Amino acid sequence: MTHRFTLPLHVILKRKTKKDVRLSVNLNTFRAMHHRTYTEAKIEYARVMGEQLNKFDPLTGKMHVHYDYYAAMNNNPDLDNFVGAAKKYFQDAMVKSGFIEDDNVNFIVSNSEKYCGIDRKNPRIEVTIKGVT
C-alpha cells in the first residue's frame, strides 16, 4: 500500500473586512504566530488536505511517511523549517479526517525527508505513505 499527497507551502486565511492573509507553512512563521491565528491556520490546512485525504479509505497498521521538499528559490532553505511545520499540520489533518486513527508512534513508526531542489513554478512538499510490516 502506497499513498501520495501534495502539501501546500501556504494557507490563505479569509478575512471579512480586511485583506486575506497568506501564511507560509514553516516553523519561523508558526513561532511568531498568535495562538488564535495558529489554530485558524491549522483548521484551514486540515480543510485543504481533507480534499485529498477523503479520496482514500482509512489506513490501519504501522506506516512510514516520507516528505520530498521542492523549494521556490535557491536561498539555502532550512529543510526542517518547512518540512517540520508541514509534517505537524499534515499528520494532524490525517487524524482529523479519519484517514489514520492517530499520529503517534504506534501508527507512524518512522518518517524521513529529502530536499529535491528548486521548482519555481510549483514549490511543494510531496508525501509518500507506505505500510510497514
N, C-alpha and C. Protein backbone atom coordinates (compact mmCIF):
# COMPACT_ATOMS: atom_id res chain seq x y z
N MET A 1 0.84 -1.18 0.00
CA MET A 1 0.00 0.00 0.00
C MET A 1 0.88 1.24 0.00
N THR A 2 0.68 2.11 -0.97
CA THR A 2 1.38 3.38 -1.05
C THR A 2 0.37 4.47 -1.38
N HIS A 3 0.44 5.56 -0.63
CA HIS A 3 -0.43 6.71 -0.89
C HIS A 3 0.45 7.93 -1.08
N ARG A 4 0.05 8.81 -2.02
CA ARG A 4 0.81 10.03 -2.29
C ARG A 4 -0.08 11.26 -2.15
N PHE A 5 0.51 12.31 -1.59
CA PHE A 5 -0.20 13.57 -1.38
C PHE A 5 0.74 14.73 -1.70
N THR A 6 0.15 15.87 -2.05
CA THR A 6 0.91 17.09 -2.27
C THR A 6 0.47 18.12 -1.23
N LEU A 7 1.44 18.60 -0.45
CA LEU A 7 1.15 19.55 0.61
C LEU A 7 1.41 20.97 0.14
N PRO A 8 0.52 21.89 0.46
CA PRO A 8 0.77 23.30 0.12
C PRO A 8 1.82 23.90 1.05
N LEU A 9 2.53 24.91 0.56
CA LEU A 9 3.50 25.61 1.38
C LEU A 9 2.91 26.88 1.99
N HIS A 10 1.65 27.18 1.65
CA HIS A 10 0.96 28.36 2.18
C HIS A 10 -0.50 28.01 2.45
N VAL A 11 -1.11 28.73 3.36
CA VAL A 11 -2.56 28.68 3.55
C VAL A 11 -3.08 30.11 3.47
N ILE A 12 -4.30 30.25 2.99
CA ILE A 12 -4.95 31.56 2.91
C ILE A 12 -6.03 31.62 3.98
N LEU A 13 -5.93 32.59 4.85
CA LEU A 13 -6.95 32.80 5.88
C LEU A 13 -7.86 33.92 5.41
N LYS A 14 -9.13 33.61 5.22
CA LYS A 14 -10.11 34.58 4.74
C LYS A 14 -10.44 35.59 5.83
N ARG A 15 -10.59 36.83 5.44
CA ARG A 15 -10.97 37.91 6.35
C ARG A 15 -12.22 38.58 5.82
N LYS A 16 -13.10 39.01 6.73
CA LYS A 16 -14.37 39.64 6.32
C LYS A 16 -14.18 41.08 5.89
N THR A 17 -13.43 41.85 6.66
CA THR A 17 -13.31 43.28 6.38
C THR A 17 -11.92 43.70 5.93
N LYS A 18 -10.94 42.83 6.08
CA LYS A 18 -9.57 43.14 5.69
C LYS A 18 -9.13 42.23 4.56
N LYS A 19 -7.95 42.49 4.04
CA LYS A 19 -7.37 41.66 3.00
C LYS A 19 -7.06 40.27 3.57
N ASP A 20 -7.31 39.23 2.78
CA ASP A 20 -6.99 37.86 3.20
C ASP A 20 -5.51 37.76 3.57
N VAL A 21 -5.20 36.85 4.48
CA VAL A 21 -3.84 36.67 4.96
C VAL A 21 -3.27 35.39 4.36
N ARG A 22 -2.10 35.50 3.73
CA ARG A 22 -1.40 34.35 3.16
C ARG A 22 -0.25 34.00 4.11
N LEU A 23 -0.34 32.82 4.73
CA LEU A 23 0.67 32.40 5.70
C LEU A 23 1.54 31.29 5.13
N SER A 24 2.83 31.46 5.24
CA SER A 24 3.76 30.42 4.86
C SER A 24 3.74 29.33 5.93
N VAL A 25 3.74 28.09 5.48
CA VAL A 25 3.74 26.96 6.41
C VAL A 25 5.20 26.62 6.72
N ASN A 26 5.73 27.27 7.76
CA ASN A 26 7.09 26.99 8.21
C ASN A 26 7.21 27.31 9.69
N LEU A 27 8.22 26.79 10.32
CA LEU A 27 8.37 26.94 11.77
C LEU A 27 8.62 28.38 12.19
N ASN A 28 9.32 29.17 11.37
CA ASN A 28 9.55 30.57 11.72
C ASN A 28 8.24 31.33 11.81
N THR A 29 7.33 31.09 10.88
CA THR A 29 6.03 31.75 10.90
C THR A 29 5.24 31.29 12.12
N PHE A 30 5.21 30.00 12.37
CA PHE A 30 4.42 29.47 13.48
C PHE A 30 4.91 29.95 14.83
N ARG A 31 6.23 30.08 14.96
CA ARG A 31 6.80 30.51 16.23
C ARG A 31 6.34 31.92 16.60
N ALA A 32 6.15 32.77 15.60
CA ALA A 32 5.77 34.17 15.84
C ALA A 32 4.26 34.39 15.81
N MET A 33 3.50 33.37 15.47
CA MET A 33 2.06 33.50 15.26
C MET A 33 1.29 33.57 16.58
N HIS A 34 0.25 34.37 16.60
CA HIS A 34 -0.68 34.41 17.73
C HIS A 34 -1.40 33.07 17.79
N HIS A 35 -1.74 32.61 18.99
CA HIS A 35 -2.33 31.27 19.13
C HIS A 35 -3.66 31.13 18.38
N ARG A 36 -4.43 32.18 18.27
CA ARG A 36 -5.69 32.09 17.51
C ARG A 36 -5.42 31.94 16.02
N THR A 37 -4.43 32.67 15.53
CA THR A 37 -4.06 32.55 14.11
C THR A 37 -3.51 31.16 13.84
N TYR A 38 -2.71 30.63 14.76
CA TYR A 38 -2.17 29.28 14.62
C TYR A 38 -3.30 28.26 14.49
N THR A 39 -4.29 28.37 15.36
CA THR A 39 -5.43 27.46 15.33
C THR A 39 -6.20 27.61 14.03
N GLU A 40 -6.42 28.84 13.60
CA GLU A 40 -7.15 29.10 12.35
C GLU A 40 -6.38 28.53 11.16
N ALA A 41 -5.06 28.69 11.14
CA ALA A 41 -4.24 28.16 10.05
C ALA A 41 -4.29 26.63 10.04
N LYS A 42 -4.25 26.03 11.21
CA LYS A 42 -4.29 24.57 11.31
C LYS A 42 -5.62 24.03 10.80
N ILE A 43 -6.71 24.71 11.12
CA ILE A 43 -8.04 24.30 10.65
C ILE A 43 -8.13 24.42 9.13
N GLU A 44 -7.61 25.52 8.58
CA GLU A 44 -7.64 25.71 7.12
C GLU A 44 -6.77 24.67 6.43
N TYR A 45 -5.62 24.37 6.98
CA TYR A 45 -4.74 23.36 6.41
C TYR A 45 -5.44 22.00 6.40
N ALA A 46 -6.11 21.66 7.48
CA ALA A 46 -6.84 20.39 7.56
C ALA A 46 -7.96 20.36 6.53
N ARG A 47 -8.62 21.49 6.30
CA ARG A 47 -9.69 21.55 5.29
C ARG A 47 -9.12 21.30 3.90
N VAL A 48 -8.02 21.98 3.58
CA VAL A 48 -7.39 21.83 2.27
C VAL A 48 -6.92 20.39 2.07
N MET A 49 -6.26 19.82 3.06
CA MET A 49 -5.75 18.46 2.94
C MET A 49 -6.87 17.43 2.97
N GLY A 50 -7.97 17.74 3.62
CA GLY A 50 -9.12 16.83 3.66
C GLY A 50 -9.63 16.50 2.27
N GLU A 51 -9.51 17.47 1.34
CA GLU A 51 -9.95 17.22 -0.04
C GLU A 51 -9.15 16.09 -0.67
N GLN A 52 -7.87 15.96 -0.34
CA GLN A 52 -7.06 14.86 -0.86
C GLN A 52 -7.25 13.59 -0.02
N LEU A 53 -7.27 13.74 1.28
CA LEU A 53 -7.36 12.58 2.17
C LEU A 53 -8.67 11.83 2.04
N ASN A 54 -9.75 12.54 1.81
CA ASN A 54 -11.08 11.92 1.75
C ASN A 54 -11.30 11.08 0.49
N LYS A 55 -10.35 11.09 -0.43
CA LYS A 55 -10.45 10.27 -1.64
C LYS A 55 -10.06 8.81 -1.38
N PHE A 56 -9.49 8.56 -0.20
CA PHE A 56 -8.98 7.22 0.11
C PHE A 56 -9.68 6.63 1.32
N ASP A 57 -9.69 5.30 1.39
CA ASP A 57 -10.17 4.61 2.58
C ASP A 57 -9.15 4.82 3.70
N PRO A 58 -9.59 4.79 4.94
CA PRO A 58 -8.67 4.96 6.06
C PRO A 58 -7.58 3.89 6.09
N LEU A 59 -6.42 4.29 6.59
CA LEU A 59 -5.29 3.36 6.74
C LEU A 59 -5.29 2.78 8.15
N THR A 60 -4.84 1.54 8.23
CA THR A 60 -4.64 0.91 9.54
C THR A 60 -3.24 0.34 9.57
N GLY A 61 -2.77 0.05 10.74
CA GLY A 61 -1.45 -0.54 10.88
C GLY A 61 -0.34 0.49 10.94
N LYS A 62 0.88 -0.03 10.90
CA LYS A 62 2.07 0.81 11.01
C LYS A 62 2.46 1.34 9.63
N MET A 63 3.03 2.56 9.63
CA MET A 63 3.39 3.18 8.35
C MET A 63 4.65 4.03 8.47
N HIS A 64 5.28 4.24 7.32
CA HIS A 64 6.41 5.16 7.18
C HIS A 64 5.93 6.32 6.31
N VAL A 65 6.26 7.55 6.70
CA VAL A 65 5.85 8.73 5.95
C VAL A 65 7.12 9.45 5.47
N HIS A 66 7.21 9.66 4.15
CA HIS A 66 8.37 10.33 3.56
C HIS A 66 7.94 11.65 2.94
N TYR A 67 8.75 12.71 3.14
CA TYR A 67 8.45 14.05 2.65
C TYR A 67 9.54 14.50 1.68
N ASP A 68 9.16 14.88 0.44
CA ASP A 68 10.07 15.46 -0.55
C ASP A 68 9.75 16.94 -0.68
N TYR A 69 10.75 17.79 -0.40
CA TYR A 69 10.56 19.24 -0.42
C TYR A 69 11.14 19.85 -1.69
N TYR A 70 10.30 20.57 -2.45
CA TYR A 70 10.70 21.30 -3.64
C TYR A 70 10.58 22.79 -3.33
N ALA A 71 11.71 23.49 -3.27
CA ALA A 71 11.74 24.89 -2.88
C ALA A 71 11.36 25.81 -4.04
N ALA A 72 10.91 27.01 -3.71
CA ALA A 72 10.54 28.00 -4.72
C ALA A 72 11.77 28.71 -5.28
N MET A 73 12.81 28.85 -4.47
CA MET A 73 14.01 29.56 -4.91
C MET A 73 15.23 28.98 -4.21
N ASN A 74 16.38 29.32 -4.75
CA ASN A 74 17.63 28.83 -4.20
C ASN A 74 18.17 29.81 -3.16
N ASN A 75 17.58 29.79 -1.98
CA ASN A 75 18.02 30.67 -0.90
C ASN A 75 18.51 29.86 0.30
N ASN A 76 19.10 28.71 0.01
CA ASN A 76 19.61 27.81 1.04
C ASN A 76 18.56 27.52 2.11
N PRO A 77 17.42 26.95 1.70
CA PRO A 77 16.34 26.72 2.66
C PRO A 77 16.73 25.72 3.74
N ASP A 78 16.15 25.91 4.89
CA ASP A 78 16.33 25.00 6.02
C ASP A 78 15.24 23.93 5.91
N LEU A 79 15.64 22.72 5.62
CA LEU A 79 14.69 21.63 5.38
C LEU A 79 13.73 21.43 6.54
N ASP A 80 14.24 21.41 7.75
CA ASP A 80 13.37 21.21 8.92
C ASP A 80 12.39 22.35 9.13
N ASN A 81 12.76 23.56 8.73
CA ASN A 81 11.88 24.71 8.89
C ASN A 81 10.58 24.50 8.11
N PHE A 82 10.68 24.02 6.88
CA PHE A 82 9.49 23.83 6.06
C PHE A 82 8.83 22.48 6.31
N VAL A 83 9.61 21.42 6.28
CA VAL A 83 9.02 20.09 6.42
C VAL A 83 8.49 19.86 7.82
N GLY A 84 9.16 20.37 8.84
CA GLY A 84 8.71 20.17 10.22
C GLY A 84 7.32 20.71 10.46
N ALA A 85 7.06 21.91 9.98
CA ALA A 85 5.75 22.53 10.17
C ALA A 85 4.68 21.81 9.35
N ALA A 86 4.99 21.52 8.09
CA ALA A 86 4.02 20.84 7.23
C ALA A 86 3.73 19.44 7.76
N LYS A 87 4.76 18.79 8.28
CA LYS A 87 4.59 17.44 8.85
C LYS A 87 3.57 17.46 10.00
N LYS A 88 3.72 18.41 10.90
CA LYS A 88 2.81 18.51 12.05
C LYS A 88 1.38 18.76 11.58
N TYR A 89 1.19 19.73 10.71
CA TYR A 89 -0.15 20.05 10.22
C TYR A 89 -0.75 18.88 9.44
N PHE A 90 0.06 18.24 8.57
CA PHE A 90 -0.45 17.15 7.74
C PHE A 90 -0.84 15.95 8.59
N GLN A 91 0.01 15.56 9.53
CA GLN A 91 -0.31 14.40 10.35
C GLN A 91 -1.52 14.66 11.23
N ASP A 92 -1.68 15.87 11.72
CA ASP A 92 -2.90 16.21 12.46
C ASP A 92 -4.12 16.19 11.55
N ALA A 93 -3.96 16.63 10.30
CA ALA A 93 -5.07 16.61 9.33
C ALA A 93 -5.48 15.17 9.00
N MET A 94 -4.50 14.26 8.93
CA MET A 94 -4.82 12.85 8.67
C MET A 94 -5.69 12.29 9.79
N VAL A 95 -5.38 12.65 11.02
CA VAL A 95 -6.17 12.18 12.16
C VAL A 95 -7.55 12.81 12.14
N LYS A 96 -7.60 14.13 11.94
CA LYS A 96 -8.88 14.85 11.95
C LYS A 96 -9.84 14.33 10.88
N SER A 97 -9.30 13.98 9.71
CA SER A 97 -10.15 13.50 8.62
C SER A 97 -10.55 12.04 8.78
N GLY A 98 -9.93 11.35 9.74
CA GLY A 98 -10.22 9.93 9.93
C GLY A 98 -9.39 9.02 9.03
N PHE A 99 -8.41 9.59 8.33
CA PHE A 99 -7.57 8.80 7.43
C PHE A 99 -6.69 7.83 8.22
N ILE A 100 -6.19 8.27 9.38
CA ILE A 100 -5.48 7.38 10.30
C ILE A 100 -6.08 7.57 11.69
N GLU A 101 -5.92 6.56 12.52
CA GLU A 101 -6.50 6.61 13.87
C GLU A 101 -5.79 7.63 14.75
N ASP A 102 -4.45 7.64 14.67
CA ASP A 102 -3.66 8.55 15.49
C ASP A 102 -2.31 8.75 14.80
N ASP A 103 -1.61 9.81 15.16
CA ASP A 103 -0.30 10.05 14.55
C ASP A 103 0.84 9.76 15.52
N ASN A 104 0.56 8.92 16.50
CA ASN A 104 1.61 8.58 17.47
C ASN A 104 2.49 7.45 16.92
N VAL A 105 3.47 7.02 17.71
CA VAL A 105 4.45 6.03 17.25
C VAL A 105 3.87 4.63 17.08
N ASN A 106 2.66 4.40 17.52
CA ASN A 106 2.02 3.11 17.28
C ASN A 106 1.53 3.00 15.84
N PHE A 107 1.42 4.10 15.14
CA PHE A 107 0.93 4.11 13.76
C PHE A 107 2.00 4.63 12.80
N ILE A 108 2.53 5.81 13.05
CA ILE A 108 3.62 6.35 12.23
C ILE A 108 4.91 5.99 12.95
N VAL A 109 5.53 4.90 12.49
CA VAL A 109 6.69 4.37 13.19
C VAL A 109 8.00 5.00 12.73
N SER A 110 7.96 5.65 11.56
CA SER A 110 9.16 6.34 11.07
C SER A 110 8.75 7.37 10.03
N ASN A 111 9.63 8.36 9.87
CA ASN A 111 9.43 9.33 8.80
C ASN A 111 10.80 9.81 8.33
N SER A 112 10.81 10.39 7.14
CA SER A 112 12.05 10.90 6.56
C SER A 112 11.71 12.07 5.66
N GLU A 113 12.74 12.87 5.36
CA GLU A 113 12.53 13.98 4.45
C GLU A 113 13.76 14.14 3.57
N LYS A 114 13.53 14.76 2.41
CA LYS A 114 14.60 14.94 1.43
C LYS A 114 14.39 16.27 0.71
N TYR A 115 15.48 17.00 0.50
CA TYR A 115 15.45 18.21 -0.31
C TYR A 115 15.61 17.79 -1.77
N CYS A 116 14.66 18.17 -2.62
CA CYS A 116 14.65 17.72 -4.01
C CYS A 116 14.97 18.83 -5.01
N GLY A 117 15.42 19.98 -4.54
CA GLY A 117 15.83 21.04 -5.45
C GLY A 117 14.78 22.12 -5.62
N ILE A 118 14.93 22.87 -6.72
CA ILE A 118 14.11 24.05 -6.99
C ILE A 118 13.02 23.72 -8.00
N ASP A 119 11.81 24.17 -7.73
CA ASP A 119 10.71 24.14 -8.69
C ASP A 119 9.99 25.48 -8.57
N ARG A 120 10.45 26.46 -9.33
CA ARG A 120 9.92 27.82 -9.23
C ARG A 120 8.43 27.91 -9.55
N LYS A 121 7.97 27.05 -10.45
CA LYS A 121 6.57 27.10 -10.87
C LYS A 121 5.63 26.37 -9.90
N ASN A 122 6.15 25.39 -9.18
CA ASN A 122 5.29 24.60 -8.30
C ASN A 122 6.03 24.16 -7.04
N PRO A 123 6.39 25.11 -6.16
CA PRO A 123 7.03 24.71 -4.90
C PRO A 123 6.03 23.93 -4.05
N ARG A 124 6.52 22.86 -3.39
CA ARG A 124 5.58 21.99 -2.69
C ARG A 124 6.33 20.99 -1.83
N ILE A 125 5.56 20.23 -1.09
CA ILE A 125 6.07 19.06 -0.38
C ILE A 125 5.23 17.88 -0.83
N GLU A 126 5.88 16.87 -1.37
CA GLU A 126 5.18 15.65 -1.78
C GLU A 126 5.39 14.60 -0.69
N VAL A 127 4.30 13.93 -0.34
CA VAL A 127 4.32 12.95 0.75
C VAL A 127 4.03 11.57 0.18
N THR A 128 4.80 10.59 0.62
CA THR A 128 4.55 9.20 0.28
C THR A 128 4.38 8.43 1.59
N ILE A 129 3.27 7.71 1.70
CA ILE A 129 2.99 6.91 2.89
C ILE A 129 3.02 5.44 2.48
N LYS A 130 3.83 4.66 3.18
CA LYS A 130 3.94 3.23 2.89
C LYS A 130 3.68 2.43 4.15
N GLY A 131 2.98 1.33 3.98
CA GLY A 131 2.76 0.42 5.09
C GLY A 131 4.05 -0.27 5.49
N VAL A 132 4.20 -0.55 6.77
CA VAL A 132 5.39 -1.21 7.30
C VAL A 132 4.96 -2.52 7.93
N THR A 133 5.68 -3.59 7.63
CA THR A 133 5.34 -4.89 8.21
C THR A 133 6.19 -5.20 9.41
